[in-house]
C-alpha atoms as a PDB file:
ATOM      1  CA  MET A   1       5.721   0.298  -0.811  1.00  0.00           C
ATOM      2  CA  LYS A   2       9.379   0.702   0.048  1.00  0.00           C
ATOM      3  CA  SER A   3      12.220  -1.268  -1.476  1.00  0.00           C
ATOM      4  CA  GLU A   4      15.719  -0.837  -2.832  1.00  0.00           C
ATOM      5  CA  ASP A   5      14.105  -0.627  -6.276  1.00  0.00           C
ATOM      6  CA  VAL A   6      10.310  -0.435  -6.619  1.00  0.00           C
ATOM      7  CA  THR A   7      10.672  -0.830 -10.387  1.00  0.00           C
ATOM      8  CA  SER A   8      12.392  -4.214 -10.132  1.00  0.00           C
ATOM      9  CA  GLU A   9      10.779  -7.179 -11.847  1.00  0.00           C
ATOM     10  CA  ASP A  10      10.013  -8.880  -8.496  1.00  0.00           C
ATOM     11  CA  VAL A  11       8.208  -5.831  -7.091  1.00  0.00           C
ATOM     12  CA  LEU A  12       6.253  -5.237 -10.312  1.00  0.00           C
ATOM     13  CA  GLU A  13       5.181  -8.907 -10.414  1.00  0.00           C
ATOM     14  CA  TYR A  14       4.053  -8.614  -6.771  1.00  0.00           C
ATOM     15  CA  PHE A  15       2.008  -5.525  -7.644  1.00  0.00           C
ATOM     16  CA  LYS A  16       0.415  -7.281 -10.641  1.00  0.00           C
ATOM     17  CA  GLU A  17      -0.639 -10.162  -8.392  1.00  0.00           C
ATOM     18  CA  ILE A  18      -2.134  -8.019  -5.629  1.00  0.00           C
ATOM     19  CA  LYS A  19      -3.802  -5.769  -8.229  1.00  0.00           C
ATOM     20  CA  LYS A  20      -5.458  -8.774  -9.869  1.00  0.00           C
ATOM     21  CA  ARG A  21      -6.783 -10.026  -6.530  1.00  0.00           C
ATOM     22  CA  ILE A  22      -7.890  -6.611  -5.235  1.00  0.00           C
ATOM     23  CA  LYS A  23      -9.724  -5.769  -8.501  1.00  0.00           C
ATOM     24  CA  GLU A  24     -11.818  -8.921  -8.006  1.00  0.00           C
ATOM     25  CA  LEU A  25     -13.312  -7.431  -4.828  1.00  0.00           C
ATOM     26  CA  ASP A  26     -16.772  -5.868  -4.963  1.00  0.00           C
ATOM     27  CA  TYR A  27     -16.805  -2.052  -5.026  1.00  0.00           C
ATOM     28  CA  VAL A  28     -13.143  -1.701  -6.083  1.00  0.00           C
ATOM     29  CA  GLU A  29     -13.089   0.665  -9.044  1.00  0.00           C
ATOM     30  CA  SER A  30      -9.352   0.835  -9.740  1.00  0.00           C
ATOM     31  CA  VAL A  31      -5.912  -0.123  -8.467  1.00  0.00           C
ATOM     32  CA  GLU A  32      -2.991   2.036  -9.576  1.00  0.00           C
ATOM     33  CA  TYR A  33       0.766   1.770  -9.002  1.00  0.00           C
ATOM     34  CA  ILE A  34       2.462   5.163  -8.639  1.00  0.00           C
ATOM     35  CA  PRO A  35       6.269   5.135  -8.298  1.00  0.00           C
ATOM     36  CA  ILE A  36       7.365   8.270  -6.425  1.00  0.00           C
ATOM     37  CA  SER A  37      11.076   7.505  -6.488  1.00  0.00           C
ATOM     38  CA  ARG A  38      13.310   4.495  -7.138  1.00  0.00           C
ATOM     39  CA  THR A  39      12.715   3.337  -3.554  1.00  0.00           C
ATOM     40  CA  PHE A  40       9.107   4.369  -2.873  1.00  0.00           C
ATOM     41  CA  ALA A  41       5.762   3.765  -4.598  1.00  0.00           C
ATOM     42  CA  ILE A  42       2.121   4.261  -3.720  1.00  0.00           C
ATOM     43  CA  VAL A  43      -0.664   1.836  -4.555  1.00  0.00           C
ATOM     44  CA  SER A  44      -3.892   3.781  -4.923  1.00  0.00           C
ATOM     45  CA  ILE A  45      -7.151   1.849  -4.543  1.00  0.00           C
ATOM     46  CA  GLU A  46     -10.391   3.583  -5.511  1.00  0.00           C
ATOM     47  CA  ILE A  47     -13.521   2.261  -3.791  1.00  0.00           C
ATOM     48  CA  GLU A  48     -17.088   2.927  -5.007  1.00  0.00           C
ATOM     49  CA  THR A  49     -19.030   2.839  -1.743  1.00  0.00           C
ATOM     50  CA  ARG A  50     -19.466   4.942   1.364  1.00  0.00           C
ATOM     51  CA  ASP A  51     -21.217   2.210   3.343  1.00  0.00           C
ATOM     52  CA  ASP A  52     -19.214   1.683   6.562  1.00  0.00           C
ATOM     53  CA  LYS A  53     -19.828  -2.069   6.714  1.00  0.00           C
ATOM     54  CA  LYS A  54     -18.778  -2.558   3.092  1.00  0.00           C
ATOM     55  CA  ILE A  55     -15.666  -0.396   3.588  1.00  0.00           C
ATOM     56  CA  GLU A  56     -14.718  -2.450   6.638  1.00  0.00           C
ATOM     57  CA  ASP A  57     -15.191  -5.653   4.647  1.00  0.00           C
ATOM     58  CA  ILE A  58     -13.116  -4.345   1.722  1.00  0.00           C
ATOM     59  CA  ALA A  59     -10.296  -3.243   4.047  1.00  0.00           C
ATOM     60  CA  ASN A  60     -10.357  -6.652   5.739  1.00  0.00           C
ATOM     61  CA  GLN A  61     -10.177  -8.437   2.383  1.00  0.00           C
ATOM     62  CA  ILE A  62      -7.312  -6.222   1.181  1.00  0.00           C
ATOM     63  CA  GLU A  63      -5.488  -6.913   4.440  1.00  0.00           C
ATOM     64  CA  ARG A  64      -5.866 -10.660   3.825  1.00  0.00           C
ATOM     65  CA  ILE A  65      -4.569 -10.326   0.259  1.00  0.00           C
ATOM     66  CA  LEU A  66      -1.525  -8.343   1.416  1.00  0.00           C
ATOM     67  CA  ASN A  67      -0.823 -10.939   4.115  1.00  0.00           C
ATOM     68  CA  PHE A  68      -1.331 -13.896   1.747  1.00  0.00           C
ATOM     69  CA  VAL A  69       0.627 -12.914  -1.369  1.00  0.00           C
ATOM     70  CA  PRO A  70       4.364 -13.499  -0.758  1.00  0.00           C
ATOM     71  CA  LYS A  71       6.368 -10.272  -0.849  1.00  0.00           C
ATOM     72  CA  PRO A  72       9.751 -10.002  -2.555  1.00  0.00           C
ATOM     73  CA  VAL A  73      12.723  -9.907  -0.192  1.00  0.00           C
ATOM     74  CA  GLY A  74      13.307  -6.370   1.087  1.00  0.00           C
ATOM     75  CA  LEU A  75       9.841  -5.038   0.201  1.00  0.00           C
ATOM     76  CA  ASN A  76       8.009  -3.210   2.975  1.00  0.00           C
ATOM     77  CA  VAL A  77       4.270  -2.696   2.474  1.00  0.00           C
ATOM     78  CA  GLN A  78       2.595  -0.161   4.761  1.00  0.00           C
ATOM     79  CA  ARG A  79      -1.176   0.337   4.861  1.00  0.00           C
ATOM     80  CA  THR A  80      -2.289   3.980   4.799  1.00  0.00           C
ATOM     81  CA  GLY A  81      -5.132   6.071   3.459  1.00  0.00           C
ATOM     82  CA  SER A  82      -8.652   6.848   4.562  1.00  0.00           C
ATOM     83  CA  VAL A  83      -9.986   3.269   4.327  1.00  0.00           C
ATOM     84  CA  PHE A  84      -7.227   1.804   6.488  1.00  0.00           C
ATOM     85  CA  LEU A  85      -7.189   4.747   8.915  1.00  0.00           C
ATOM     86  CA  TRP A  86     -10.937   4.214   9.410  1.00  0.00           C
ATOM     87  CA  TYR A  87     -10.598   0.410   9.514  1.00  0.00           C
ATOM     88  CA  MET A  88      -7.775   0.370  12.074  1.00  0.00           C
ATOM     89  CA  ARG A  89      -9.371   2.786  14.563  1.00  0.00           C
END
């Protein structure tokens, strides 16, 4: 996540909403918000399966959540990590 201020109330409320929705998905163990700087944060999602079909389904559902939940103005959300690299191939 990139923004002018990733610790702003709007960005933190956005994270709380996507975290709540992502944690409801099967096989999602944890969702963690890691601010790296004032303008950059990582959202780490731990998944409890190695089944390719389930991983594809989880990535698809996360993609839908990220597209559905309205982002604060100026927030850029970029999908990275092993699940999305595998999913987007």
